Structures are given as structure tokens and as C-alpha cells.
Amino acid sequence: MPKHAVITVVGRDRVGIVAGISSLLAENEVNIIDISQTVLRGMFAMIMIVDLSRAKVSVGELREALKKKGKELGVDVALHSAELVETMERI
């Protein structure tokens, strides 16, 4: 399992987005290393760097749980391995 991942969250701003995503991560022993969020013209955008080294679930299971939580919250959530993002930056 990769040690770090990047999580992106995008959608209409509403109460509970940060709480919903961070609670799911905490339940699965995924630590938030860094987080940035903003609201632009009513659109919420967040990016997180997370540590997966103690995660209770696989990357695939976490990705699916985040997508499901995103649907509940009305936002799009994606999980990318940090290695993939770093490789894309080099290209």
C-alpha cells in the first residue's frame, strides 16, 4: 500500500463537507498531513495529503468509501496515490 495519497473534493459549498470527509478518514485510521480548502463563487474545493500507513482498509476500499460519502454530501471525491501525482508533475 502506498504511504501517502492525495484526496480532492469539489462541489457546491454546504455545511458538513469537511466534517464528513475527515470523520470517514479518522474512522479508518487515515491521518491528514496537510489540508487546503477554499470556496469560489459558491463552489467548495479541498485538497488533502493523507498518510495511509495505518489505514484499516485497502486503497480501493477507501476510494469507494470516499466516493460513497461524496455522493451523500453532494460533492465529487477522488483519491490519488501521491506517487502518481508526483510522477505526473515530472512529465
C-alpha atoms as a PDB file:
ATOM      1  CA  MET A   1       0.000   0.000   0.000  1.00  0.00           C
ATOM      2  CA  PRO A   2       1.337   3.475  -0.826  1.00  0.00           C
ATOM      3  CA  LYS A   3       2.196   5.533   2.250  1.00  0.00           C
ATOM      4  CA  HIS A   4       0.663   8.821   1.089  1.00  0.00           C
ATOM      5  CA  ALA A   5      -2.281   9.823  -1.051  1.00  0.00           C
ATOM      6  CA  VAL A   6      -3.918  12.973  -2.374  1.00  0.00           C
ATOM      7  CA  ILE A   7      -7.660  13.440  -1.853  1.00  0.00           C
ATOM      8  CA  THR A   8      -9.597  16.073  -3.791  1.00  0.00           C
ATOM      9  CA  VAL A   9     -13.125  17.219  -3.009  1.00  0.00           C
ATOM     10  CA  VAL A  10     -15.117  19.534  -5.300  1.00  0.00           C
ATOM     11  CA  GLY A  11     -18.764  20.592  -5.325  1.00  0.00           C
ATOM     12  CA  ARG A  12     -21.355  23.120  -4.217  1.00  0.00           C
ATOM     13  CA  ASP A  13     -20.500  24.536  -0.807  1.00  0.00           C
ATOM     14  CA  ARG A  14     -22.619  23.277   2.076  1.00  0.00           C
ATOM     15  CA  VAL A  15     -22.332  22.593   5.780  1.00  0.00           C
ATOM     16  CA  GLY A  16     -20.663  19.324   6.777  1.00  0.00           C
ATOM     17  CA  ILE A  17     -18.304  18.571   3.899  1.00  0.00           C
ATOM     18  CA  VAL A  18     -15.068  18.814   5.892  1.00  0.00           C
ATOM     19  CA  ALA A  19     -16.628  17.016   8.874  1.00  0.00           C
ATOM     20  CA  GLY A  20     -17.973  14.193   6.702  1.00  0.00           C
ATOM     21  CA  ILE A  21     -14.727  13.516   4.875  1.00  0.00           C
ATOM     22  CA  SER A  22     -12.441  13.919   7.890  1.00  0.00           C
ATOM     23  CA  SER A  23     -14.671  11.681  10.055  1.00  0.00           C
ATOM     24  CA  LEU A  24     -14.532   8.910   7.467  1.00  0.00           C
ATOM     25  CA  LEU A  25     -10.746   9.202   7.333  1.00  0.00           C
ATOM     26  CA  ALA A  26     -10.451   9.113  11.136  1.00  0.00           C
ATOM     27  CA  GLU A  27     -12.688   6.031  11.359  1.00  0.00           C
ATOM     28  CA  ASN A  28     -10.268   4.268   9.026  1.00  0.00           C
ATOM     29  CA  GLU A  29      -7.064   5.430  10.793  1.00  0.00           C
ATOM     30  CA  VAL A  30      -6.062   7.678   7.887  1.00  0.00           C
ATOM     31  CA  ASN A  31      -4.146  10.722   9.132  1.00  0.00           C
ATOM     32  CA  ILE A  32      -4.498  14.128   7.448  1.00  0.00           C
ATOM     33  CA  ILE A  33      -0.999  15.532   6.941  1.00  0.00           C
ATOM     34  CA  ASP A  34      -1.941  18.728   5.115  1.00  0.00           C
ATOM     35  CA  ILE A  35      -5.201  20.304   4.010  1.00  0.00           C
ATOM     36  CA  SER A  36      -6.220  23.307   1.944  1.00  0.00           C
ATOM     37  CA  GLN A  37      -9.732  24.426   1.159  1.00  0.00           C
ATOM     38  CA  THR A  38     -11.463  27.355  -0.448  1.00  0.00           C
ATOM     39  CA  VAL A  39     -14.864  28.476  -1.625  1.00  0.00           C
ATOM     40  CA  LEU A  40     -15.001  30.223  -5.009  1.00  0.00           C
ATOM     41  CA  ARG A  41     -18.368  31.646  -6.101  1.00  0.00           C
ATOM     42  CA  GLY A  42     -20.222  29.048  -4.079  1.00  0.00           C
ATOM     43  CA  MET A  43     -18.044  26.130  -5.194  1.00  0.00           C
ATOM     44  CA  PHE A  44     -16.134  24.251  -2.489  1.00  0.00           C
ATOM     45  CA  ALA A  45     -12.676  22.877  -3.309  1.00  0.00           C
ATOM     46  CA  MET A  46     -10.419  20.955  -0.953  1.00  0.00           C
ATOM     47  CA  ILE A  47      -7.184  19.041  -1.341  1.00  0.00           C
ATOM     48  CA  MET A  48      -5.666  16.844   1.346  1.00  0.00           C
ATOM     49  CA  ILE A  49      -2.416  14.960   1.675  1.00  0.00           C
ATOM     50  CA  VAL A  50      -3.022  11.905   3.843  1.00  0.00           C
ATOM     51  CA  ASP A  51      -0.918   9.184   5.461  1.00  0.00           C
ATOM     52  CA  LEU A  52      -2.203   5.676   4.704  1.00  0.00           C
ATOM     53  CA  SER A  53       0.435   3.743   6.661  1.00  0.00           C
ATOM     54  CA  ARG A  54      -2.010   2.793   9.472  1.00  0.00           C
ATOM     55  CA  ALA A  55      -5.179   2.566   7.354  1.00  0.00           C
ATOM     56  CA  LYS A  56      -7.648  -0.176   8.335  1.00  0.00           C
ATOM     57  CA  VAL A  57      -8.773  -0.624   4.715  1.00  0.00           C
ATOM     58  CA  SER A  58      -7.137  -1.026   1.323  1.00  0.00           C
ATOM     59  CA  VAL A  59      -6.700   1.934  -1.031  1.00  0.00           C
ATOM     60  CA  GLY A  60      -9.516   0.580  -3.220  1.00  0.00           C
ATOM     61  CA  GLU A  61     -11.891   0.230  -0.264  1.00  0.00           C
ATOM     62  CA  LEU A  62     -11.038   3.732   0.939  1.00  0.00           C
ATOM     63  CA  ARG A  63     -11.553   5.151  -2.564  1.00  0.00           C
ATOM     64  CA  GLU A  64     -15.020   3.563  -2.732  1.00  0.00           C
ATOM     65  CA  ALA A  65     -15.946   4.733   0.785  1.00  0.00           C
ATOM     66  CA  LEU A  66     -14.905   8.289  -0.111  1.00  0.00           C
ATOM     67  CA  LYS A  67     -16.944   8.204  -3.334  1.00  0.00           C
ATOM     68  CA  LYS A  68     -19.977   6.989  -1.383  1.00  0.00           C
ATOM     69  CA  LYS A  69     -19.512   9.701   1.249  1.00  0.00           C
ATOM     70  CA  GLY A  70     -19.122  12.250  -1.534  1.00  0.00           C
ATOM     71  CA  LYS A  71     -22.475  11.228  -3.021  1.00  0.00           C
ATOM     72  CA  GLU A  72     -24.095  11.641   0.400  1.00  0.00           C
ATOM     73  CA  LEU A  73     -22.564  15.115   0.689  1.00  0.00           C
ATOM     74  CA  GLY A  74     -23.241  16.143  -2.921  1.00  0.00           C
ATOM     75  CA  VAL A  75     -19.562  16.511  -3.859  1.00  0.00           C
ATOM     76  CA  ASP A  76     -17.074  14.696  -6.073  1.00  0.00           C
ATOM     77  CA  VAL A  77     -14.285  12.994  -4.106  1.00  0.00           C
ATOM     78  CA  ALA A  78     -11.207  11.382  -5.654  1.00  0.00           C
ATOM     79  CA  LEU A  79      -8.232   9.598  -4.106  1.00  0.00           C
ATOM     80  CA  HIS A  80      -4.921   9.515  -5.980  1.00  0.00           C
ATOM     81  CA  SER A  81      -1.667   7.925  -4.884  1.00  0.00           C
ATOM     82  CA  ALA A  82       0.915  10.589  -4.068  1.00  0.00           C
ATOM     83  CA  GLU A  83       3.422   8.738  -6.258  1.00  0.00           C
ATOM     84  CA  LEU A  84       1.121   9.099  -9.289  1.00  0.00           C
ATOM     85  CA  VAL A  85       0.703  12.829  -8.688  1.00  0.00           C
ATOM     86  CA  GLU A  86       4.468  13.300  -8.275  1.00  0.00           C
ATOM     87  CA  THR A  87       5.110  11.365 -11.490  1.00  0.00           C
ATOM     88  CA  MET A  88       2.571  13.483 -13.399  1.00  0.00           C
ATOM     89  CA  GLU A  89       4.308  16.656 -12.180  1.00  0.00           C
ATOM     90  CA  ARG A  90       7.604  15.446 -13.637  1.00  0.00           C
ATOM     91  CA  ILE A  91       6.119  14.826 -17.096  1.00  0.00           C
END
